[in-house]
Amino acid sequence: MRVKYLIVGAGMTGLAFANFIRSDDYLILDGSDEIGGWCKTIKQDGYVWDFSGHFFHFRRPDIEKYLVDRMPAGEVDTVVKSSKIYFSGTHIDFPFQKNIHQLPRQDFIECLHDLVFREDGANKTFKEMLVSKFGHAIANKFLIPYNTKLYACDLDTLDADAMGRFFPHADLKDIVANMKAEDNQSYNATFTYPKGGAIMYVDALASEVDPQKIALNERVEQVDLIEKTAVTSAGRTIEFEYLISSAPFDDFVQMTSPKLPVNSECLTKNQVLVFNLGFDRKGPEGVHWIYYPDDDLRFYRVGFYDNIVNSDRMSLYVEIGMPSGSKPDVKGELERVLVDLGRAGVVEDHQLVSWHTVTMNPAYVHINRDSREAVIKARQLLQSRGVYTIGRYGGWTYCSIEDNIIEAQNLANELNLFEP
């Protein structure tokens, strides 16, 4: 068969492109049996969980309106974020660097001293940036151990700007001012969440897509850049004029023929093992997620769905960062998680009622100079053949779901210039 626009991936990025392209001559392929990518939602034993915590932080009111207009009325709640950090058996407000005054006295003095007398040094790597901007104490007590658990790599292998606008920067003046007048505003100070889970945002985009133009359980296996054809797991060969892929960039370049000159060794990533846990009664209230820098606790973050949707039983997502190639022992990890939730004071004599697990691989890509250069060069070559790799994984970047929608919209608008 032949299509003008072959879209690889039925997640938010692929569905958004299909929404905004004016042509009806498109086909969406996805190897999963459901649309949504990592935004899938599980409903089990009265609990509503996503594959992981997916909360939407809109900067563009028009994007938010586009989605909400395609959902049942009154289904989306706007939440003022409450996030904490578990440190030395107590909780302090996030971000750590702006709330060091909440630490035990000796830790506070050490953090403030090192902040004031820090030496501006090299800022080539993420770890160097943390020490240079905040001093050794703040970096070593939270920023380095937490992000090492999250990324599951040496932070010296990441660019200083690996997290872009999502890193909560603060200078000495900000930190001291926060001691008197709290200001913990961040890019996600408020977020929205549908009562039926993140899949409702996915369904909003899918409502504008012809279901006959979505092929599930069919993944792309080969892409011929000369002939402009794709071979799928169903044995189909599909000619295309344009191919738009949100598949992980490292996987996609392995499908291409001729092979692109990409050093795959620089395209590293982590995976995140997620446990969704439902308990028989409420636990901590008033908090939406908690960060855990302590190496003695297995997880780096725990989120509370019940405090977001106001349900009467504790409903958690628990995230564990791991190297991409590792094989998690799910049963052993669950046992460790339950023990550590008790040690952290999240559960006491609670009974586990229901649970679900998923391994998101990739979860966070590792961004450094080599990966940036490799991706830029390869994407330029691909675009010369009408192939666009976009989204968090297709673009090998750190971004929000809204950013994915905007990127897909911008590409569609660019290609719409050539539509009749």
Protein backbone atom coordinates (compact mmCIF):
# COMPACT_ATOMS: atom_id res chain seq x y z
CA MET A 1 0.00 0.00 0.00
CA ARG A 2 0.98 3.63 -0.24
CA VAL A 3 0.26 6.52 2.12
CA LYS A 4 1.38 10.10 2.13
CA TYR A 5 2.05 10.22 5.87
CA LEU A 6 3.20 7.09 7.67
CA ILE A 7 3.10 7.76 11.43
CA VAL A 8 5.13 5.44 13.66
CA GLY A 9 3.72 5.39 17.19
CA ALA A 10 0.19 5.89 18.50
CA GLY A 11 1.20 7.86 21.57
CA MET A 12 0.52 11.53 22.24
CA THR A 13 3.02 12.68 19.60
CA GLY A 14 1.78 10.51 16.75
CA LEU A 15 -1.87 11.14 17.50
CA ALA A 16 -1.24 14.89 17.74
CA PHE A 17 0.39 14.93 14.30
CA ALA A 18 -2.61 13.09 12.85
CA ASN A 19 -4.88 15.70 14.46
CA PHE A 20 -3.11 18.69 12.96
CA ILE A 21 -2.16 17.47 9.50
CA ARG A 22 -4.82 18.55 7.00
CA SER A 23 -4.49 15.46 4.82
CA ASP A 24 -6.60 12.35 5.40
CA ASP A 25 -3.97 10.24 3.65
CA TYR A 26 -2.17 8.86 6.71
CA LEU A 27 -1.67 5.61 8.60
CA ILE A 28 -0.59 5.17 12.24
CA LEU A 29 1.32 2.03 13.21
CA ASP A 30 1.99 0.87 16.77
CA GLY A 31 3.44 -2.38 18.05
CA SER A 32 1.27 -2.32 21.17
CA ASP A 33 -2.30 -3.57 21.43
CA GLU A 34 -3.49 -0.17 22.72
CA ILE A 35 -2.96 3.46 21.82
CA GLY A 36 -1.26 5.86 24.23
CA GLY A 37 2.41 4.91 24.40
CA TRP A 38 3.52 5.42 28.00
CA CYS A 39 0.23 7.26 28.74
CA LYS A 40 -1.79 4.09 29.09
CA THR A 41 -4.13 3.80 32.08
CA ILE A 42 -4.92 0.69 34.14
CA LYS A 43 -8.21 0.25 35.99
CA GLN A 44 -8.02 -2.60 38.44
CA ASP A 45 -9.93 -3.51 41.62
CA GLY A 46 -11.36 -0.02 41.91
CA TYR A 47 -7.97 1.73 41.44
CA VAL A 48 -7.01 3.94 38.51
CA TRP A 49 -3.30 3.99 37.66
CA ASP A 50 -1.23 5.13 34.71
CA PHE A 51 1.87 3.34 33.51
CA SER A 52 3.58 6.00 35.62
CA GLY A 53 2.66 9.40 36.99
CA HIS A 54 1.64 11.48 33.96
CA PHE A 55 0.53 14.96 34.95
CA PHE A 56 -0.01 17.73 32.47
CA HIS A 57 1.55 21.18 32.87
CA PHE A 58 0.15 23.44 30.18
CA ARG A 59 1.87 26.66 29.16
CA ARG A 60 -0.31 27.06 26.07
CA PRO A 61 -4.01 27.56 26.93
CA ASP A 62 -4.96 26.73 23.35
CA ILE A 63 -3.40 23.25 23.63
CA GLU A 64 -5.17 22.56 26.90
CA LYS A 65 -8.48 23.79 25.48
CA TYR A 66 -8.06 21.63 22.38
CA LEU A 67 -7.83 18.54 24.59
CA VAL A 68 -10.46 19.47 27.18
CA ASP A 69 -12.99 20.38 24.47
CA ARG A 70 -12.79 16.76 23.29
CA MET A 71 -13.46 15.28 26.72
CA PRO A 72 -16.65 14.94 28.79
CA ALA A 73 -17.38 18.09 30.79
CA GLY A 74 -16.07 18.28 34.33
CA GLU A 75 -13.65 15.39 34.02
CA VAL A 76 -10.40 17.32 34.53
CA ASP A 77 -9.21 18.58 37.91
CA THR A 78 -6.64 21.34 38.34
CA VAL A 79 -4.36 20.60 41.29
CA VAL A 80 -1.99 22.89 43.18
CA LYS A 81 1.10 20.74 43.62
CA SER A 82 2.36 19.67 47.02
CA SER A 83 5.66 17.79 46.79
CA LYS A 84 8.08 16.84 49.55
CA ILE A 85 11.56 15.41 50.04
CA TYR A 86 12.23 12.68 52.58
CA PHE A 87 15.45 13.57 54.36
CA SER A 88 16.85 12.18 57.63
CA GLY A 89 13.50 10.79 58.71
CA THR A 90 11.51 13.97 58.06
CA HIS A 91 9.97 15.84 55.15
CA ILE A 92 10.98 19.17 53.69
CA ASP A 93 9.48 21.10 50.83
CA PHE A 94 10.69 20.73 47.25
CA PRO A 95 12.94 22.03 45.78
CA PHE A 96 15.68 21.09 48.22
CA GLN A 97 17.98 23.99 47.36
CA LYS A 98 15.34 26.61 48.25
CA ASN A 99 14.33 24.95 51.51
CA ILE A 100 17.60 24.16 53.26
CA HIS A 101 16.34 26.23 56.23
CA GLN A 102 13.92 23.36 56.93
CA LEU A 103 16.79 20.91 57.43
CA PRO A 104 18.15 19.86 60.82
CA ARG A 105 20.36 22.66 62.16
CA GLN A 106 23.75 21.14 61.38
CA ASP A 107 22.74 20.16 57.86
CA PHE A 108 21.36 23.67 57.27
CA ILE A 109 24.58 25.32 58.44
CA GLU A 110 26.67 23.04 56.23
CA CYS A 111 24.49 23.70 53.17
CA LEU A 112 24.43 27.47 53.72
CA HIS A 113 28.19 27.63 54.33
CA ASP A 114 29.04 25.68 51.19
CA LEU A 115 26.54 27.70 49.16
CA VAL A 116 28.06 31.03 50.22
CA PHE A 117 31.69 29.94 49.88
CA ARG A 118 31.35 27.74 46.80
CA GLU A 119 33.82 28.22 43.99
CA ASP A 120 32.49 28.65 40.47
CA GLY A 121 34.16 25.92 38.52
CA ALA A 122 33.67 23.91 35.39
CA ASN A 123 30.10 23.47 34.25
CA LYS A 124 30.60 20.98 31.46
CA THR A 125 28.73 18.12 33.13
CA PHE A 126 25.53 17.88 35.12
CA LYS A 127 27.41 16.94 38.29
CA GLU A 128 29.87 19.80 37.87
CA MET A 129 26.98 22.22 37.42
CA LEU A 130 25.30 21.04 40.62
CA VAL A 131 28.42 21.55 42.72
CA SER A 132 29.33 24.85 41.06
CA LYS A 133 25.85 26.37 41.45
CA PHE A 134 24.91 25.07 44.89
CA GLY A 135 28.07 23.96 46.72
CA HIS A 136 29.11 20.49 47.83
CA ALA A 137 26.64 20.07 50.69
CA ILE A 138 23.42 20.77 48.78
CA ALA A 139 24.71 18.74 45.84
CA ASN A 140 25.80 15.76 47.95
CA LYS A 141 22.82 15.68 50.30
CA PHE A 142 20.14 15.68 47.61
CA LEU A 143 20.86 16.77 44.04
CA ILE A 144 23.54 14.21 43.21
CA PRO A 145 22.13 11.13 44.99
CA TYR A 146 18.55 11.75 43.84
CA ASN A 147 19.41 12.32 40.19
CA THR A 148 21.84 9.39 40.22
CA LYS A 149 18.98 7.15 41.37
CA LEU A 150 16.69 8.61 38.70
CA TYR A 151 19.05 8.49 35.71
CA ALA A 152 20.87 5.32 36.86
CA CYS A 153 24.18 6.63 35.55
CA ASP A 154 27.21 8.72 36.48
CA LEU A 155 26.01 12.33 36.34
CA ASP A 156 29.37 13.35 34.87
CA THR A 157 28.21 11.67 31.64
CA LEU A 158 25.33 14.14 31.27
CA ASP A 159 25.42 17.69 29.94
CA ALA A 160 25.08 20.52 32.43
CA ASP A 161 21.81 21.43 30.70
CA ALA A 162 20.53 17.86 30.42
CA MET A 163 17.21 18.76 32.11
CA GLY A 164 16.74 22.10 30.35
CA ARG A 165 13.96 24.31 31.73
CA PHE A 166 12.78 21.53 34.04
CA PHE A 167 15.66 21.90 36.49
CA PRO A 168 14.71 24.19 39.43
CA HIS A 169 17.56 26.68 39.43
CA ALA A 170 17.94 29.14 42.33
CA ASP A 171 20.68 31.56 43.33
CA LEU A 172 21.77 32.69 46.80
CA LYS A 173 19.30 35.58 46.83
CA ASP A 174 16.39 33.26 45.94
CA ILE A 175 17.38 30.76 48.62
CA VAL A 176 17.72 33.35 51.40
CA ALA A 177 14.48 35.09 50.38
CA ASN A 178 12.65 31.76 50.60
CA MET A 179 13.59 31.50 54.26
CA LYS A 180 11.23 34.39 55.06
CA ALA A 181 8.63 34.30 52.29
CA GLU A 182 8.03 30.87 50.77
CA ASP A 183 8.12 30.79 46.98
CA ASN A 184 8.49 27.25 45.65
CA GLN A 185 6.94 27.98 42.27
CA SER A 186 8.11 25.76 39.42
CA TYR A 187 7.07 24.81 35.91
CA ASN A 188 4.56 22.34 37.40
CA ALA A 189 3.28 24.37 40.36
CA THR A 190 -0.18 23.46 39.12
CA PHE A 191 -1.11 20.50 36.98
CA THR A 192 -4.23 18.95 35.55
CA TYR A 193 -5.33 15.36 35.80
CA PRO A 194 -8.43 13.63 34.40
CA LYS A 195 -10.58 11.61 36.79
CA GLY A 196 -10.28 8.61 34.48
CA GLY A 197 -6.48 8.77 34.18
CA ALA A 198 -4.08 10.13 31.57
CA ILE A 199 -5.66 7.95 28.89
CA MET A 200 -8.47 10.51 28.71
CA TYR A 201 -6.04 12.99 27.13
CA VAL A 202 -4.99 10.28 24.70
CA ASP A 203 -8.62 9.53 23.87
CA ALA A 204 -9.23 13.24 23.29
CA LEU A 205 -6.64 13.22 20.50
CA ALA A 206 -7.82 9.85 19.21
CA SER A 207 -11.37 11.20 18.86
CA GLU A 208 -10.17 13.22 15.85
CA VAL A 209 -8.46 10.23 14.20
CA ASP A 210 -10.18 7.73 11.94
CA PRO A 211 -9.86 4.40 13.85
CA GLN A 212 -9.48 2.64 10.50
CA LYS A 213 -6.21 4.53 10.07
CA ILE A 214 -4.66 3.10 13.26
CA ALA A 215 -3.01 -0.33 12.99
CA LEU A 216 -2.14 -1.83 16.38
CA ASN A 217 0.07 -4.84 17.04
CA GLU A 218 2.03 -3.86 13.95
CA ARG A 219 5.46 -2.36 14.37
CA VAL A 220 7.86 -0.98 11.79
CA GLU A 221 10.91 -3.22 11.39
CA GLN A 222 12.74 -1.78 8.36
CA VAL A 223 12.80 1.62 6.67
CA ASP A 224 14.35 1.98 3.21
CA LEU A 225 15.39 5.61 2.92
CA ILE A 226 16.10 5.33 -0.82
CA GLU A 227 12.90 3.63 -1.88
CA LYS A 228 10.93 5.34 0.90
CA THR A 229 9.28 2.15 2.07
CA ALA A 230 8.69 0.58 5.46
CA VAL A 231 8.37 -3.13 6.22
CA THR A 232 6.19 -4.04 9.19
CA SER A 233 5.91 -6.99 11.56
CA ALA A 234 2.70 -7.94 9.73
CA GLY A 235 4.69 -8.47 6.53
CA ARG A 236 3.40 -5.35 4.81
CA THR A 237 5.57 -3.10 2.69
CA ILE A 238 4.25 0.46 2.82
CA GLU A 239 5.38 3.24 0.53
CA PHE A 240 5.36 6.72 2.05
CA GLU A 241 6.04 10.28 1.06
CA TYR A 242 6.67 11.36 4.64
CA LEU A 243 7.40 9.24 7.69
CA ILE A 244 6.89 10.71 11.17
CA SER A 245 8.32 8.59 13.99
CA SER A 246 8.09 8.96 17.76
CA ALA A 247 9.82 5.61 18.29
CA PRO A 248 13.01 5.73 20.39
CA PHE A 249 15.67 7.29 18.19
CA ASP A 250 18.30 4.64 18.92
CA ASP A 251 15.91 1.88 17.86
CA PHE A 252 14.71 3.74 14.80
CA VAL A 253 18.15 4.35 13.30
CA GLN A 254 18.83 0.62 13.51
CA MET A 255 15.85 0.05 11.20
CA THR A 256 17.11 2.31 8.44
CA SER A 257 18.73 1.26 5.21
CA PRO A 258 21.27 2.46 4.30
CA LYS A 259 22.51 2.56 7.88
CA LEU A 260 22.94 6.08 9.22
CA PRO A 261 26.42 7.01 10.48
CA VAL A 262 25.36 7.16 14.13
CA ASN A 263 27.55 6.10 17.03
CA SER A 264 24.96 4.15 19.01
CA GLU A 265 27.28 3.98 22.03
CA CYS A 266 26.50 7.62 22.82
CA LEU A 267 22.74 7.00 22.83
CA THR A 268 22.30 5.74 26.38
CA LYS A 269 19.19 5.78 28.54
CA ASN A 270 17.68 4.41 31.71
CA GLN A 271 14.61 2.33 32.36
CA VAL A 272 12.14 2.84 35.18
CA LEU A 273 10.44 -0.03 36.96
CA VAL A 274 7.04 1.22 38.12
CA PHE A 275 4.86 -0.39 40.76
CA ASN A 276 1.26 0.75 41.05
CA LEU A 277 0.03 -0.23 44.51
CA GLY A 278 -3.45 -0.12 46.02
CA PHE A 279 -3.91 -0.38 49.79
CA ASP A 280 -6.95 -0.91 52.00
CA ARG A 281 -7.03 2.58 53.53
CA LYS A 282 -5.54 6.05 53.37
CA GLY A 283 -1.95 6.87 54.19
CA PRO A 284 -0.20 10.25 54.20
CA GLU A 285 -2.56 13.01 53.10
CA GLY A 286 -2.06 16.40 51.47
CA VAL A 287 1.03 15.41 49.43
CA HIS A 288 1.09 14.44 45.75
CA TRP A 289 4.57 12.97 45.49
CA ILE A 290 7.71 12.56 47.60
CA TYR A 291 11.36 12.40 46.48
CA TYR A 292 13.77 9.94 48.11
CA PRO A 293 17.52 10.63 47.70
CA ASP A 294 18.60 8.03 50.30
CA ASP A 295 20.41 5.05 48.76
CA ASP A 296 18.98 2.83 51.49
CA LEU A 297 15.52 3.26 50.00
CA ARG A 298 15.02 1.48 46.68
CA PHE A 299 12.78 4.03 44.95
CA TYR A 300 13.51 7.61 43.96
CA ARG A 301 9.90 8.84 43.93
CA VAL A 302 6.51 7.83 45.28
CA GLY A 303 3.29 9.47 44.06
CA PHE A 304 -0.14 9.46 45.68
CA TYR A 305 -3.01 9.13 43.20
CA ASP A 306 -5.50 9.10 46.07
CA ASN A 307 -4.47 12.62 47.10
CA ILE A 308 -4.83 13.84 43.52
CA VAL A 309 -8.26 12.36 42.78
CA ASN A 310 -9.48 12.42 46.42
CA SER A 311 -10.16 8.70 46.76
CA ASP A 312 -10.58 6.93 50.10
CA ARG A 313 -7.84 4.30 49.75
CA MET A 314 -4.12 4.88 49.34
CA SER A 315 -3.12 4.46 45.69
CA LEU A 316 0.56 4.82 44.85
CA TYR A 317 2.99 4.80 41.99
CA VAL A 318 6.55 3.88 42.97
CA GLU A 319 9.46 4.48 40.59
CA ILE A 320 12.86 2.77 40.50
CA GLY A 321 15.55 3.90 38.04
CA MET A 322 17.72 1.21 36.46
CA PRO A 323 20.26 0.91 33.64
CA SER A 324 18.49 0.14 30.38
CA GLY A 325 20.03 -3.29 29.96
CA SER A 326 19.27 -4.66 33.42
CA LYS A 327 16.65 -7.36 34.00
CA PRO A 328 14.58 -6.49 37.08
CA ASP A 329 13.50 -9.20 39.49
CA VAL A 330 9.91 -7.99 39.81
CA LYS A 331 8.95 -10.20 42.75
CA GLY A 332 12.10 -9.36 44.69
CA GLU A 333 11.77 -5.67 43.90
CA LEU A 334 8.15 -5.60 45.09
CA GLU A 335 9.12 -7.20 48.39
CA ARG A 336 11.89 -4.62 48.85
CA VAL A 337 9.55 -1.75 47.93
CA LEU A 338 6.96 -2.80 50.51
CA VAL A 339 9.62 -3.00 53.22
CA ASP A 340 11.06 0.39 52.27
CA LEU A 341 7.63 2.03 52.17
CA GLY A 342 7.29 0.96 55.77
CA ARG A 343 10.73 2.28 56.67
CA ALA A 344 9.85 5.61 55.05
CA GLY A 345 6.59 5.86 56.99
CA VAL A 346 4.32 5.62 53.94
CA VAL A 347 2.69 2.36 55.04
CA GLU A 348 2.17 1.08 58.57
CA ASP A 349 -0.23 -1.83 59.04
CA HIS A 350 -1.79 -1.30 55.61
CA GLN A 351 -2.87 -4.27 53.55
CA LEU A 352 -1.90 -4.45 49.88
CA VAL A 353 -5.13 -4.97 47.94
CA SER A 354 -3.99 -4.78 44.32
CA TRP A 355 -0.85 -4.12 42.34
CA HIS A 356 0.41 -3.69 38.80
CA THR A 357 3.87 -3.26 37.36
CA VAL A 358 5.40 -2.01 34.12
CA THR A 359 8.97 -1.40 33.02
CA MET A 360 9.30 1.78 30.97
CA ASN A 361 12.27 1.37 28.68
CA PRO A 362 13.37 3.93 27.73
CA ALA A 363 12.21 6.31 30.43
CA TYR A 364 14.83 9.09 30.55
CA VAL A 365 17.41 9.49 27.80
CA HIS A 366 20.94 10.56 28.70
CA ILE A 367 21.71 13.88 27.06
CA ASN A 368 25.30 14.94 26.43
CA ARG A 369 27.33 16.65 23.74
CA ASP A 370 27.96 13.47 21.77
CA SER A 371 24.31 12.43 21.76
CA ARG A 372 23.16 15.93 20.79
CA GLU A 373 25.57 16.05 17.84
CA ALA A 374 24.70 12.52 16.71
CA VAL A 375 20.96 13.16 16.81
CA ILE A 376 21.17 16.54 15.04
CA LYS A 377 23.25 15.14 12.17
CA ALA A 378 21.12 12.04 11.75
CA ARG A 379 17.84 13.98 11.86
CA GLN A 380 19.12 16.29 9.13
CA LEU A 381 19.88 13.31 6.91
CA LEU A 382 16.51 11.75 7.67
CA GLN A 383 14.61 14.95 6.93
CA SER A 384 16.26 15.14 3.52
CA ARG A 385 14.37 11.92 2.79
CA GLY A 386 11.07 13.12 4.26
CA VAL A 387 11.58 11.29 7.56
CA TYR A 388 11.01 13.14 10.83
CA THR A 389 11.83 11.76 14.29
CA ILE A 390 9.99 13.76 16.93
CA GLY A 391 8.82 13.62 20.53
CA ARG A 392 10.67 12.82 23.73
CA TYR A 393 12.21 9.63 22.41
CA GLY A 394 12.18 10.33 18.69
CA GLY A 395 13.98 13.61 19.36
CA TRP A 396 16.10 12.13 22.18
CA THR A 397 15.36 14.96 24.58
CA TYR A 398 13.84 15.92 27.94
CA CYS A 399 10.44 17.50 27.47
CA SER A 400 6.84 17.56 28.64
CA ILE A 401 3.86 15.88 26.99
CA GLU A 402 2.64 19.33 25.97
CA ASP A 403 6.01 19.92 24.25
CA ASN A 404 5.43 16.74 22.24
CA ILE A 405 2.02 17.97 21.13
CA ILE A 406 3.42 21.37 20.16
CA GLU A 407 6.30 19.81 18.20
CA ALA A 408 3.86 17.58 16.33
CA GLN A 409 1.59 20.56 15.62
CA ASN A 410 4.49 22.66 14.35
CA LEU A 411 5.65 19.91 12.00
CA ALA A 412 2.10 19.39 10.73
CA ASN A 413 1.72 23.12 10.12
CA GLU A 414 4.99 23.13 8.19
CA LEU A 415 3.89 20.23 6.00
CA ASN A 416 0.41 21.69 5.62
CA LEU A 417 2.00 24.44 3.50
CA PHE A 418 2.32 21.81 0.76
CA GLU A 419 -1.22 20.52 1.15
CA PRO A 420 -3.87 21.72 -1.35
